[in-house]
Amino acid sequence: MAGTQKSLDEFMKNYEEQSAEDKDAVASGEYEDRETLKAERDQVYENYYLESFQDGIEGKYGNNTAVRLTSPEGTKLTLWVNGYEEEHFNTFMGKLEKKGVSLPVKIDFLRTQEESKSGNGRSYNRLRIMEVASGEEVQFELDSL
């Protein structure tokens, strides 16, 4: 039993040393607080960093996608999209995937409300996203905020 205790003590000592060394390399497990971005219609949002997204989140009006962004000033934000805007976002992500581009990417985006082409007088929400930059440079910029 003493041998087991010694190896347990030794393990804990080694674990604590390694934990101290790897402190910066290991995720803290803390929740990153993000503000909800209530993007205005007909306003261009420039040089935002698209970090990640999660789709299929149950909401009051059906499923939503949480789009995690960082503003050019470094504010962590979540943009919620659903319906047509969610389709537009997924189309943008599909284009990135086809090009072999991985997140994060720097984007400009615009929310609008557009008239339906069917001529029935209805309108729908539209999300237009444009890739500004991608690659290591974007990750470097994001890390520096």
N, C-alpha and C. Protein backbone atom coordinates (compact mmCIF):
# COMPACT_ATOMS: atom_id res chain seq x y z
N MET A 1 0.83 -1.20 0.00
CA MET A 1 0.00 0.00 0.00
C MET A 1 0.86 1.25 0.00
N ALA A 2 1.99 1.21 0.66
CA ALA A 2 2.88 2.37 0.71
C ALA A 2 3.38 2.71 -0.70
N GLY A 3 3.63 1.67 -1.54
CA GLY A 3 4.09 1.90 -2.91
C GLY A 3 3.04 2.63 -3.71
N THR A 4 1.78 2.28 -3.51
CA THR A 4 0.68 2.93 -4.21
C THR A 4 0.60 4.39 -3.80
N GLN A 5 0.73 4.64 -2.50
CA GLN A 5 0.66 6.01 -2.00
C GLN A 5 1.80 6.85 -2.56
N LYS A 6 3.00 6.25 -2.61
CA LYS A 6 4.16 6.98 -3.12
C LYS A 6 3.91 7.35 -4.59
N SER A 7 3.42 6.42 -5.38
CA SER A 7 3.20 6.72 -6.79
C SER A 7 2.07 7.75 -6.96
N LEU A 8 1.09 7.74 -6.08
CA LEU A 8 0.03 8.74 -6.12
C LEU A 8 0.60 10.12 -5.81
N ASP A 9 1.43 10.19 -4.76
CA ASP A 9 2.06 11.46 -4.42
C ASP A 9 2.95 11.94 -5.56
N GLU A 10 3.70 11.01 -6.13
CA GLU A 10 4.59 11.35 -7.24
C GLU A 10 3.78 11.84 -8.45
N PHE A 11 2.68 11.15 -8.71
CA PHE A 11 1.81 11.55 -9.82
C PHE A 11 1.30 12.98 -9.60
N MET A 12 0.80 13.26 -8.40
CA MET A 12 0.24 14.58 -8.12
C MET A 12 1.31 15.66 -8.24
N LYS A 13 2.52 15.37 -7.77
CA LYS A 13 3.62 16.33 -7.87
C LYS A 13 3.92 16.61 -9.34
N ASN A 14 4.04 15.55 -10.14
CA ASN A 14 4.32 15.71 -11.57
C ASN A 14 3.17 16.42 -12.28
N TYR A 15 1.96 16.09 -11.88
CA TYR A 15 0.78 16.71 -12.48
C TYR A 15 0.78 18.22 -12.22
N GLU A 16 1.04 18.61 -10.98
CA GLU A 16 1.06 20.03 -10.62
C GLU A 16 2.15 20.77 -11.38
N GLU A 17 3.33 20.14 -11.53
CA GLU A 17 4.42 20.77 -12.28
C GLU A 17 4.02 20.96 -13.75
N GLN A 18 3.44 19.91 -14.33
CA GLN A 18 3.04 19.98 -15.73
C GLN A 18 1.92 21.00 -15.92
N SER A 19 0.99 21.03 -14.99
CA SER A 19 -0.12 21.99 -15.08
C SER A 19 0.40 23.41 -15.06
N ALA A 20 1.40 23.67 -14.21
CA ALA A 20 1.98 25.02 -14.15
C ALA A 20 2.66 25.37 -15.47
N GLU A 21 3.34 24.41 -16.08
CA GLU A 21 4.04 24.64 -17.35
C GLU A 21 3.05 24.85 -18.50
N ASP A 22 1.96 24.09 -18.48
CA ASP A 22 1.01 24.12 -19.59
C ASP A 22 -0.14 25.10 -19.38
N LYS A 23 -0.05 25.89 -18.35
CA LYS A 23 -1.17 26.78 -18.00
C LYS A 23 -1.66 27.61 -19.19
N ASP A 24 -0.72 28.18 -19.96
CA ASP A 24 -1.12 29.01 -21.09
C ASP A 24 -1.58 28.19 -22.28
N ALA A 25 -1.10 26.96 -22.39
CA ALA A 25 -1.40 26.14 -23.57
C ALA A 25 -2.74 25.42 -23.45
N VAL A 26 -3.27 25.29 -22.27
CA VAL A 26 -4.49 24.52 -22.05
C VAL A 26 -5.67 25.47 -21.86
N ALA A 27 -6.79 25.16 -22.48
CA ALA A 27 -8.00 25.98 -22.32
C ALA A 27 -8.42 25.99 -20.87
N SER A 28 -8.89 27.12 -20.42
CA SER A 28 -9.24 27.28 -19.02
C SER A 28 -10.56 26.61 -18.67
N GLY A 29 -11.39 26.37 -19.69
CA GLY A 29 -12.71 25.80 -19.41
C GLY A 29 -13.70 26.85 -18.96
N GLU A 30 -13.25 28.10 -18.88
CA GLU A 30 -14.15 29.17 -18.48
C GLU A 30 -15.02 29.57 -19.66
N TYR A 31 -16.23 29.97 -19.37
CA TYR A 31 -17.17 30.42 -20.39
C TYR A 31 -16.76 31.81 -20.84
N GLU A 32 -16.68 32.00 -22.14
CA GLU A 32 -16.33 33.30 -22.69
C GLU A 32 -17.60 34.12 -22.82
N ASP A 33 -17.67 35.22 -22.12
CA ASP A 33 -18.86 36.07 -22.12
C ASP A 33 -18.93 36.86 -23.42
N ARG A 34 -20.06 36.78 -24.10
CA ARG A 34 -20.27 37.50 -25.36
C ARG A 34 -21.54 38.31 -25.28
N GLU A 35 -21.49 39.49 -25.86
CA GLU A 35 -22.68 40.33 -25.97
C GLU A 35 -23.45 39.90 -27.21
N THR A 36 -24.77 40.10 -27.19
CA THR A 36 -25.57 39.85 -28.38
C THR A 36 -25.47 41.07 -29.29
N LEU A 37 -25.10 40.82 -30.53
CA LEU A 37 -25.02 41.90 -31.52
C LEU A 37 -26.39 42.04 -32.17
N LYS A 38 -27.02 43.16 -31.94
CA LYS A 38 -28.30 43.45 -32.59
C LYS A 38 -27.98 44.32 -33.81
N ALA A 39 -27.57 43.66 -34.88
CA ALA A 39 -27.14 44.35 -36.09
C ALA A 39 -28.31 45.09 -36.73
N GLU A 40 -28.11 46.36 -36.95
CA GLU A 40 -29.13 47.20 -37.58
C GLU A 40 -29.24 46.86 -39.07
N ARG A 41 -30.40 47.05 -39.62
CA ARG A 41 -30.60 46.84 -41.06
C ARG A 41 -29.97 48.01 -41.83
N ASP A 42 -29.51 47.71 -43.03
CA ASP A 42 -28.94 48.71 -43.94
C ASP A 42 -27.71 49.42 -43.37
N GLN A 43 -27.00 48.75 -42.49
CA GLN A 43 -25.74 49.29 -41.96
C GLN A 43 -24.65 48.25 -42.23
N VAL A 44 -23.56 48.69 -42.86
CA VAL A 44 -22.45 47.79 -43.17
C VAL A 44 -21.58 47.63 -41.92
N TYR A 45 -21.30 46.40 -41.54
CA TYR A 45 -20.42 46.08 -40.43
C TYR A 45 -19.11 45.59 -41.04
N GLU A 46 -18.03 46.35 -40.84
CA GLU A 46 -16.76 46.07 -41.50
C GLU A 46 -15.73 45.48 -40.55
N ASN A 47 -14.92 44.57 -41.12
CA ASN A 47 -13.75 44.01 -40.45
C ASN A 47 -14.05 43.29 -39.14
N TYR A 48 -15.12 42.52 -39.14
CA TYR A 48 -15.44 41.66 -38.00
C TYR A 48 -14.76 40.31 -38.21
N TYR A 49 -14.41 39.68 -37.12
CA TYR A 49 -13.76 38.37 -37.19
C TYR A 49 -14.80 37.29 -36.90
N LEU A 50 -15.06 36.44 -37.88
CA LEU A 50 -15.96 35.30 -37.73
C LEU A 50 -15.14 34.15 -37.17
N GLU A 51 -15.39 33.80 -35.91
CA GLU A 51 -14.59 32.79 -35.22
C GLU A 51 -15.19 31.39 -35.30
N SER A 52 -16.48 31.30 -35.07
CA SER A 52 -17.13 29.99 -35.05
C SER A 52 -18.64 30.19 -35.10
N PHE A 53 -19.35 29.08 -35.16
CA PHE A 53 -20.81 29.14 -35.14
C PHE A 53 -21.35 27.83 -34.62
N GLN A 54 -22.58 27.86 -34.17
CA GLN A 54 -23.27 26.65 -33.74
C GLN A 54 -24.69 26.75 -34.22
N ASP A 55 -25.10 25.74 -35.00
CA ASP A 55 -26.47 25.77 -35.53
C ASP A 55 -27.35 24.82 -34.74
N GLY A 56 -28.64 24.86 -35.05
CA GLY A 56 -29.60 23.96 -34.42
C GLY A 56 -29.94 24.30 -32.99
N ILE A 57 -29.77 25.54 -32.58
CA ILE A 57 -30.10 25.95 -31.21
C ILE A 57 -31.58 26.29 -31.17
N GLU A 58 -32.28 25.58 -30.30
CA GLU A 58 -33.72 25.76 -30.15
C GLU A 58 -34.02 27.15 -29.59
N GLY A 59 -34.88 27.88 -30.27
CA GLY A 59 -35.24 29.22 -29.82
C GLY A 59 -36.74 29.41 -29.80
N LYS A 60 -37.14 30.61 -29.46
CA LYS A 60 -38.56 30.95 -29.35
C LYS A 60 -39.27 30.77 -30.70
N TYR A 61 -38.56 31.07 -31.81
CA TYR A 61 -39.17 31.02 -33.13
C TYR A 61 -38.56 29.92 -34.01
N GLY A 62 -38.19 28.80 -33.42
CA GLY A 62 -37.59 27.70 -34.17
C GLY A 62 -36.10 27.62 -33.93
N ASN A 63 -35.42 26.94 -34.85
CA ASN A 63 -33.97 26.76 -34.72
C ASN A 63 -33.22 28.02 -35.13
N ASN A 64 -32.11 28.26 -34.45
CA ASN A 64 -31.27 29.43 -34.69
C ASN A 64 -29.82 28.99 -34.85
N THR A 65 -29.02 29.86 -35.42
CA THR A 65 -27.58 29.67 -35.47
C THR A 65 -26.93 30.82 -34.71
N ALA A 66 -26.04 30.46 -33.79
CA ALA A 66 -25.26 31.46 -33.05
C ALA A 66 -23.95 31.65 -33.81
N VAL A 67 -23.74 32.86 -34.32
CA VAL A 67 -22.53 33.19 -35.05
C VAL A 67 -21.63 33.99 -34.10
N ARG A 68 -20.46 33.44 -33.79
CA ARG A 68 -19.55 34.08 -32.84
C ARG A 68 -18.57 34.97 -33.59
N LEU A 69 -18.63 36.25 -33.24
CA LEU A 69 -17.82 37.27 -33.90
C LEU A 69 -17.00 38.03 -32.88
N THR A 70 -15.95 38.69 -33.37
CA THR A 70 -15.21 39.66 -32.58
C THR A 70 -15.19 40.95 -33.39
N SER A 71 -15.54 42.05 -32.73
CA SER A 71 -15.55 43.34 -33.41
C SER A 71 -14.11 43.78 -33.68
N PRO A 72 -13.93 44.76 -34.56
CA PRO A 72 -12.58 45.27 -34.82
C PRO A 72 -11.90 45.82 -33.55
N GLU A 73 -12.70 46.21 -32.56
CA GLU A 73 -12.17 46.72 -31.29
C GLU A 73 -11.88 45.62 -30.28
N GLY A 74 -12.28 44.38 -30.59
CA GLY A 74 -11.99 43.26 -29.70
C GLY A 74 -13.16 42.80 -28.84
N THR A 75 -14.35 43.35 -29.03
CA THR A 75 -15.53 42.94 -28.27
C THR A 75 -16.03 41.60 -28.79
N LYS A 76 -16.25 40.66 -27.88
CA LYS A 76 -16.76 39.33 -28.24
C LYS A 76 -18.28 39.42 -28.36
N LEU A 77 -18.80 38.98 -29.52
CA LEU A 77 -20.22 39.14 -29.84
C LEU A 77 -20.82 37.85 -30.37
N THR A 78 -22.14 37.74 -30.23
CA THR A 78 -22.90 36.67 -30.86
C THR A 78 -23.98 37.30 -31.71
N LEU A 79 -24.02 36.92 -32.98
CA LEU A 79 -25.07 37.34 -33.90
C LEU A 79 -25.97 36.14 -34.09
N TRP A 80 -27.26 36.30 -33.79
CA TRP A 80 -28.21 35.20 -33.94
C TRP A 80 -28.89 35.32 -35.30
N VAL A 81 -28.89 34.23 -36.06
CA VAL A 81 -29.56 34.22 -37.36
C VAL A 81 -30.50 33.03 -37.44
N ASN A 82 -31.61 33.23 -38.16
CA ASN A 82 -32.54 32.13 -38.42
C ASN A 82 -33.26 32.42 -39.73
N GLY A 83 -34.07 31.51 -40.18
CA GLY A 83 -34.83 31.70 -41.41
C GLY A 83 -33.94 31.90 -42.62
N TYR A 84 -34.29 32.89 -43.43
CA TYR A 84 -33.52 33.17 -44.65
C TYR A 84 -32.10 33.59 -44.33
N GLU A 85 -31.92 34.38 -43.27
CA GLU A 85 -30.57 34.81 -42.90
C GLU A 85 -29.69 33.60 -42.57
N GLU A 86 -30.26 32.61 -41.94
CA GLU A 86 -29.51 31.39 -41.62
C GLU A 86 -29.12 30.67 -42.91
N GLU A 87 -30.03 30.64 -43.88
CA GLU A 87 -29.71 30.03 -45.19
C GLU A 87 -28.58 30.79 -45.87
N HIS A 88 -28.61 32.12 -45.81
CA HIS A 88 -27.57 32.94 -46.42
C HIS A 88 -26.23 32.69 -45.73
N PHE A 89 -26.25 32.58 -44.41
CA PHE A 89 -25.02 32.29 -43.65
C PHE A 89 -24.46 30.92 -44.06
N ASN A 90 -25.33 29.93 -44.13
CA ASN A 90 -24.88 28.58 -44.50
C ASN A 90 -24.31 28.55 -45.92
N THR A 91 -24.89 29.33 -46.83
CA THR A 91 -24.35 29.43 -48.19
C THR A 91 -22.94 30.02 -48.16
N PHE A 92 -22.74 31.07 -47.36
CA PHE A 92 -21.42 31.67 -47.22
C PHE A 92 -20.42 30.66 -46.68
N MET A 93 -20.82 29.91 -45.65
CA MET A 93 -19.91 28.92 -45.06
C MET A 93 -19.59 27.82 -46.07
N GLY A 94 -20.56 27.46 -46.91
CA GLY A 94 -20.33 26.47 -47.97
C GLY A 94 -19.29 26.96 -48.97
N LYS A 95 -19.34 28.25 -49.31
CA LYS A 95 -18.35 28.83 -50.23
C LYS A 95 -16.95 28.78 -49.62
N LEU A 96 -16.85 29.10 -48.32
CA LEU A 96 -15.55 29.03 -47.65
C LEU A 96 -15.01 27.61 -47.68
N GLU A 97 -15.90 26.66 -47.38
CA GLU A 97 -15.50 25.25 -47.35
C GLU A 97 -14.99 24.80 -48.72
N LYS A 98 -15.70 25.19 -49.78
CA LYS A 98 -15.28 24.84 -51.15
C LYS A 98 -13.89 25.38 -51.47
N LYS A 99 -13.59 26.57 -50.97
CA LYS A 99 -12.29 27.20 -51.21
C LYS A 99 -11.21 26.66 -50.27
N GLY A 100 -11.61 25.83 -49.30
CA GLY A 100 -10.65 25.30 -48.34
C GLY A 100 -10.25 26.30 -47.27
N VAL A 101 -11.09 27.30 -47.04
CA VAL A 101 -10.81 28.33 -46.05
C VAL A 101 -11.38 27.90 -44.70
N SER A 102 -10.56 28.00 -43.67
CA SER A 102 -11.04 27.65 -42.33
C SER A 102 -11.16 28.91 -41.47
N LEU A 103 -11.94 28.80 -40.42
CA LEU A 103 -12.15 29.92 -39.51
C LEU A 103 -10.94 30.08 -38.62
N PRO A 104 -10.64 31.28 -38.19
CA PRO A 104 -11.41 32.51 -38.33
C PRO A 104 -11.16 33.18 -39.69
N VAL A 105 -12.14 33.97 -40.10
CA VAL A 105 -12.01 34.82 -41.29
C VAL A 105 -12.48 36.22 -40.92
N LYS A 106 -11.94 37.19 -41.63
CA LYS A 106 -12.37 38.58 -41.44
C LYS A 106 -13.46 38.83 -42.48
N ILE A 107 -14.57 39.42 -42.03
CA ILE A 107 -15.71 39.62 -42.93
C ILE A 107 -16.27 41.04 -42.81
N ASP A 108 -17.00 41.42 -43.84
CA ASP A 108 -17.91 42.56 -43.79
C ASP A 108 -19.29 41.95 -43.97
N PHE A 109 -20.30 42.51 -43.32
CA PHE A 109 -21.65 41.98 -43.53
C PHE A 109 -22.69 43.09 -43.45
N LEU A 110 -23.85 42.77 -44.01
CA LEU A 110 -24.96 43.71 -44.12
C LEU A 110 -26.27 42.95 -43.98
N ARG A 111 -27.14 43.48 -43.14
CA ARG A 111 -28.50 42.93 -43.02
C ARG A 111 -29.44 43.89 -43.73
N THR A 112 -30.33 43.33 -44.54
CA THR A 112 -31.32 44.16 -45.23
C THR A 112 -32.67 43.45 -45.18
N GLN A 113 -33.68 44.16 -45.61
CA GLN A 113 -34.99 43.56 -45.81
C GLN A 113 -35.33 43.81 -47.26
N GLU A 114 -35.61 42.75 -47.99
CA GLU A 114 -35.82 42.87 -49.43
C GLU A 114 -37.19 42.40 -49.83
N GLU A 115 -37.67 42.99 -50.89
CA GLU A 115 -38.97 42.65 -51.46
C GLU A 115 -38.90 41.28 -52.13
N SER A 116 -39.89 40.47 -51.90
CA SER A 116 -39.96 39.16 -52.54
C SER A 116 -40.12 39.33 -54.05
N LYS A 117 -39.46 38.49 -54.81
CA LYS A 117 -39.52 38.58 -56.28
C LYS A 117 -40.85 38.07 -56.83
N SER A 118 -41.65 37.45 -55.99
CA SER A 118 -42.92 36.91 -56.46
C SER A 118 -43.96 38.00 -56.72
N GLY A 119 -43.66 39.22 -56.28
CA GLY A 119 -44.58 40.33 -56.53
C GLY A 119 -45.80 40.34 -55.62
N ASN A 120 -45.76 39.58 -54.53
CA ASN A 120 -46.90 39.51 -53.63
C ASN A 120 -46.84 40.57 -52.53
N GLY A 121 -45.84 41.46 -52.59
CA GLY A 121 -45.74 42.53 -51.60
C GLY A 121 -45.08 42.12 -50.30
N ARG A 122 -44.63 40.89 -50.22
CA ARG A 122 -43.96 40.42 -49.00
C ARG A 122 -42.47 40.75 -49.06
N SER A 123 -41.89 40.85 -47.89
CA SER A 123 -40.45 41.07 -47.83
C SER A 123 -39.81 39.99 -46.96
N TYR A 124 -38.50 39.85 -47.07
CA TYR A 124 -37.78 38.87 -46.28
C TYR A 124 -36.46 39.46 -45.83
N ASN A 125 -35.89 38.89 -44.77
CA ASN A 125 -34.62 39.35 -44.24
C ASN A 125 -33.48 38.73 -45.05
N ARG A 126 -32.48 39.54 -45.35
CA ARG A 126 -31.35 39.08 -46.16
C ARG A 126 -30.06 39.40 -45.40
N LEU A 127 -29.14 38.45 -45.41
CA LEU A 127 -27.83 38.63 -44.81
C LEU A 127 -26.79 38.46 -45.90
N ARG A 128 -26.03 39.51 -46.15
CA ARG A 128 -24.96 39.47 -47.15
C ARG A 128 -23.63 39.50 -46.40
N ILE A 129 -22.76 38.53 -46.72
CA ILE A 129 -21.46 38.42 -46.06
C ILE A 129 -20.38 38.38 -47.12
N MET A 130 -19.32 39.14 -46.89
CA MET A 130 -18.21 39.18 -47.81
C MET A 130 -16.91 38.87 -47.06
N GLU A 131 -16.14 37.93 -47.58
CA GLU A 131 -14.84 37.61 -46.99
C GLU A 131 -13.85 38.73 -47.30
N VAL A 132 -13.19 39.23 -46.28
CA VAL A 132 -12.19 40.29 -46.43
C VAL A 132 -10.79 39.68 -46.40
N ALA A 133 -10.57 38.75 -45.46
CA ALA A 133 -9.25 38.12 -45.32
C ALA A 133 -9.40 36.79 -44.60
N SER A 134 -8.42 35.90 -44.81
CA SER A 134 -8.40 34.62 -44.11
C SER A 134 -6.95 34.19 -43.93
N GLY A 135 -6.78 33.11 -43.18
CA GLY A 135 -5.43 32.57 -43.00
C GLY A 135 -4.79 32.99 -41.69
N GLU A 136 -3.49 32.72 -41.61
CA GLU A 136 -2.75 32.96 -40.37
C GLU A 136 -2.77 34.42 -39.94
N GLU A 137 -2.76 35.33 -40.92
CA GLU A 137 -2.76 36.76 -40.60
C GLU A 137 -4.00 37.13 -39.80
N VAL A 138 -5.15 36.56 -40.17
CA VAL A 138 -6.40 36.85 -39.47
C VAL A 138 -6.32 36.33 -38.03
N GLN A 139 -5.79 35.12 -37.85
CA GLN A 139 -5.65 34.56 -36.49
C GLN A 139 -4.71 35.44 -35.67
N PHE A 140 -3.63 35.91 -36.28
CA PHE A 140 -2.67 36.78 -35.59
C PHE A 140 -3.35 38.07 -35.15
N GLU A 141 -4.12 38.71 -36.06
CA GLU A 141 -4.84 39.93 -35.73
C GLU A 141 -5.82 39.70 -34.58
N LEU A 142 -6.56 38.60 -34.67
CA LEU A 142 -7.55 38.27 -33.66
C LEU A 142 -6.89 38.06 -32.29
N ASP A 143 -5.78 37.36 -32.29
CA ASP A 143 -5.06 37.10 -31.03
C ASP A 143 -4.50 38.39 -30.41
N SER A 144 -4.25 39.40 -31.25
CA SER A 144 -3.65 40.63 -30.76
C SER A 144 -4.69 41.59 -30.16
N LEU A 145 -5.98 41.30 -30.34
CA LEU A 145 -7.03 42.19 -29.81
C LEU A 145 -7.23 42.01 -28.32
